[in-house]
Amino acid sequence: MSQCDCQFFEEGDLVECKLNTELFGIIISESDFGRYYQVQLFGSLEVKPFHWATLRHVEQEGQPPLQHASDPDDTNVVRVDFTKGRELKPDTETEGAA
């Protein structure tokens, strides 16, 4: 676990409660200019409000770094860049999708 003492968090950050490290989840929204954060608790759909001072980032050890769709890949996974449009015609090869 991380010893981060950040005062601001971004939506999507993985955080834990400083007072009870068994409570952790993901930031889904903030209010009062970053003073309060709504955290969806891990393993449930429950959302709890937290004051910024009671949260810290969770260090994500062992997590592979995120890959961009344009990065080289030697697996059989077909990466799709959804930020770019693609014209589909009746004879377009979709590689089994749609």
C-alpha atoms as a PDB file:
ATOM      1  CA  MET A   1       0.000   0.000   0.000  1.00  0.00           C
ATOM      2  CA  SER A   2       1.124   3.516  -0.741  1.00  0.00           C
ATOM      3  CA  GLN A   3       1.915   6.218   1.787  1.00  0.00           C
ATOM      4  CA  CYS A   4       0.574   8.952  -0.506  1.00  0.00           C
ATOM      5  CA  ASP A   5      -0.803  12.055   1.214  1.00  0.00           C
ATOM      6  CA  CYS A   6      -2.328  13.713  -1.847  1.00  0.00           C
ATOM      7  CA  GLN A   7      -4.903  16.407  -1.337  1.00  0.00           C
ATOM      8  CA  PHE A   8      -6.572  15.984  -4.724  1.00  0.00           C
ATOM      9  CA  PHE A   9      -7.720  12.907  -6.560  1.00  0.00           C
ATOM     10  CA  GLU A  10      -8.935  12.315 -10.088  1.00  0.00           C
ATOM     11  CA  GLU A  11     -11.986  10.377 -11.188  1.00  0.00           C
ATOM     12  CA  GLY A  12     -10.909   6.755 -11.623  1.00  0.00           C
ATOM     13  CA  ASP A  13      -8.112   6.849  -9.014  1.00  0.00           C
ATOM     14  CA  LEU A  14      -7.849   3.796  -6.773  1.00  0.00           C
ATOM     15  CA  VAL A  15      -7.896   4.959  -3.132  1.00  0.00           C
ATOM     16  CA  GLU A  16      -8.101   3.564   0.374  1.00  0.00           C
ATOM     17  CA  CYS A  17      -9.369   4.972   3.645  1.00  0.00           C
ATOM     18  CA  LYS A  18      -6.524   5.971   5.995  1.00  0.00           C
ATOM     19  CA  LEU A  19      -8.642   5.070   9.015  1.00  0.00           C
ATOM     20  CA  ASN A  20      -9.603   1.591   7.787  1.00  0.00           C
ATOM     21  CA  THR A  21      -7.410   0.206   5.003  1.00  0.00           C
ATOM     22  CA  GLU A  22      -9.936  -2.579   4.385  1.00  0.00           C
ATOM     23  CA  LEU A  23     -12.163   0.104   2.806  1.00  0.00           C
ATOM     24  CA  PHE A  24     -10.896   0.875  -0.671  1.00  0.00           C
ATOM     25  CA  GLY A  25     -12.360   1.592  -4.053  1.00  0.00           C
ATOM     26  CA  ILE A  26     -12.415   3.939  -6.999  1.00  0.00           C
ATOM     27  CA  ILE A  27     -13.169   7.675  -7.097  1.00  0.00           C
ATOM     28  CA  ILE A  28     -16.366   8.243  -9.080  1.00  0.00           C
ATOM     29  CA  SER A  29     -17.005  11.934  -8.369  1.00  0.00           C
ATOM     30  CA  GLU A  30     -16.002  14.896  -6.251  1.00  0.00           C
ATOM     31  CA  SER A  31     -17.846  17.796  -4.679  1.00  0.00           C
ATOM     32  CA  ASP A  32     -17.104  21.055  -2.905  1.00  0.00           C
ATOM     33  CA  PHE A  33     -14.031  21.695  -5.091  1.00  0.00           C
ATOM     34  CA  GLY A  34     -12.243  18.476  -4.106  1.00  0.00           C
ATOM     35  CA  ARG A  35     -13.115  18.531  -0.449  1.00  0.00           C
ATOM     36  CA  TYR A  36     -15.365  15.462  -0.624  1.00  0.00           C
ATOM     37  CA  TYR A  37     -15.139  12.415  -2.878  1.00  0.00           C
ATOM     38  CA  GLN A  38     -17.641   9.705  -3.716  1.00  0.00           C
ATOM     39  CA  VAL A  39     -15.917   6.309  -3.689  1.00  0.00           C
ATOM     40  CA  GLN A  40     -17.422   3.129  -5.079  1.00  0.00           C
ATOM     41  CA  LEU A  41     -16.213   0.426  -2.721  1.00  0.00           C
ATOM     42  CA  PHE A  42     -14.347  -2.523  -4.198  1.00  0.00           C
ATOM     43  CA  GLY A  43     -16.451  -5.621  -4.760  1.00  0.00           C
ATOM     44  CA  SER A  44     -19.816  -3.865  -4.492  1.00  0.00           C
ATOM     45  CA  LEU A  45     -21.971  -1.155  -5.978  1.00  0.00           C
ATOM     46  CA  GLU A  46     -21.992   0.713  -2.659  1.00  0.00           C
ATOM     47  CA  VAL A  47     -20.911   4.351  -2.882  1.00  0.00           C
ATOM     48  CA  LYS A  48     -19.624   6.185   0.197  1.00  0.00           C
ATOM     49  CA  PRO A  49     -18.618   9.831   0.686  1.00  0.00           C
ATOM     50  CA  PHE A  50     -15.116  10.536   2.037  1.00  0.00           C
ATOM     51  CA  HIS A  51     -13.358  13.724   3.124  1.00  0.00           C
ATOM     52  CA  TRP A  52     -10.098  14.215   1.197  1.00  0.00           C
ATOM     53  CA  ALA A  53      -8.030  14.030   4.376  1.00  0.00           C
ATOM     54  CA  THR A  54      -9.154  10.454   5.043  1.00  0.00           C
ATOM     55  CA  LEU A  55      -8.076   9.114   1.628  1.00  0.00           C
ATOM     56  CA  ARG A  56      -4.775   8.105   0.054  1.00  0.00           C
ATOM     57  CA  HIS A  57      -3.842   6.553  -3.266  1.00  0.00           C
ATOM     58  CA  VAL A  58      -3.407   2.804  -3.452  1.00  0.00           C
ATOM     59  CA  GLU A  59      -0.157   1.748  -5.065  1.00  0.00           C
ATOM     60  CA  GLN A  60      -1.035  -0.750  -7.769  1.00  0.00           C
ATOM     61  CA  GLU A  61       1.858  -3.186  -7.507  1.00  0.00           C
ATOM     62  CA  GLY A  62       2.000  -6.008  -9.999  1.00  0.00           C
ATOM     63  CA  GLN A  63      -0.370  -4.281 -12.399  1.00  0.00           C
ATOM     64  CA  PRO A  64       0.889  -4.282 -15.964  1.00  0.00           C
ATOM     65  CA  PRO A  65       1.288  -0.810 -17.468  1.00  0.00           C
ATOM     66  CA  LEU A  66      -1.550   0.326 -19.691  1.00  0.00           C
ATOM     67  CA  GLN A  67      -0.941  -0.237 -23.369  1.00  0.00           C
ATOM     68  CA  HIS A  68      -1.983   2.109 -26.099  1.00  0.00           C
ATOM     69  CA  ALA A  69      -3.699   0.633 -29.157  1.00  0.00           C
ATOM     70  CA  SER A  70      -0.786   1.745 -31.357  1.00  0.00           C
ATOM     71  CA  ASP A  71       1.845  -0.094 -29.248  1.00  0.00           C
ATOM     72  CA  PRO A  72       3.350  -3.197 -30.871  1.00  0.00           C
ATOM     73  CA  ASP A  73       1.736  -6.398 -29.705  1.00  0.00           C
ATOM     74  CA  ASP A  74       2.904  -9.969 -30.353  1.00  0.00           C
ATOM     75  CA  THR A  75      -0.254 -11.680 -29.040  1.00  0.00           C
ATOM     76  CA  ASN A  76      -3.287 -12.748 -31.009  1.00  0.00           C
ATOM     77  CA  VAL A  77      -5.390  -9.930 -29.497  1.00  0.00           C
ATOM     78  CA  VAL A  78      -6.769  -7.502 -32.069  1.00  0.00           C
ATOM     79  CA  ARG A  79      -6.417  -4.002 -30.617  1.00  0.00           C
ATOM     80  CA  VAL A  80      -8.949  -1.430 -31.755  1.00  0.00           C
ATOM     81  CA  ASP A  81      -8.416   2.308 -31.555  1.00  0.00           C
ATOM     82  CA  PHE A  82     -11.944   3.657 -31.020  1.00  0.00           C
ATOM     83  CA  THR A  83     -10.734   7.225 -31.414  1.00  0.00           C
ATOM     84  CA  LYS A  84     -10.390   6.689 -35.177  1.00  0.00           C
ATOM     85  CA  GLY A  85     -13.281   6.163 -37.543  1.00  0.00           C
ATOM     86  CA  ARG A  86     -13.407   3.202 -39.902  1.00  0.00           C
ATOM     87  CA  GLU A  87     -15.604   2.839 -42.941  1.00  0.00           C
ATOM     88  CA  LEU A  88     -17.394  -0.503 -43.088  1.00  0.00           C
ATOM     89  CA  LYS A  89     -18.551  -2.036 -46.347  1.00  0.00           C
ATOM     90  CA  PRO A  90     -20.270  -5.365 -46.999  1.00  0.00           C
ATOM     91  CA  ASP A  91     -16.909  -6.958 -47.885  1.00  0.00           C
ATOM     92  CA  THR A  92     -14.939  -5.456 -44.926  1.00  0.00           C
ATOM     93  CA  GLU A  93     -13.153  -8.107 -42.865  1.00  0.00           C
ATOM     94  CA  THR A  94     -14.241  -7.670 -39.221  1.00  0.00           C
ATOM     95  CA  GLU A  95     -12.241 -10.620 -37.915  1.00  0.00           C
ATOM     96  CA  GLY A  96     -15.265 -12.244 -36.300  1.00  0.00           C
ATOM     97  CA  ALA A  97     -16.688  -9.133 -34.680  1.00  0.00           C
ATOM     98  CA  ALA A  98     -20.152  -7.911 -35.634  1.00  0.00           C
END
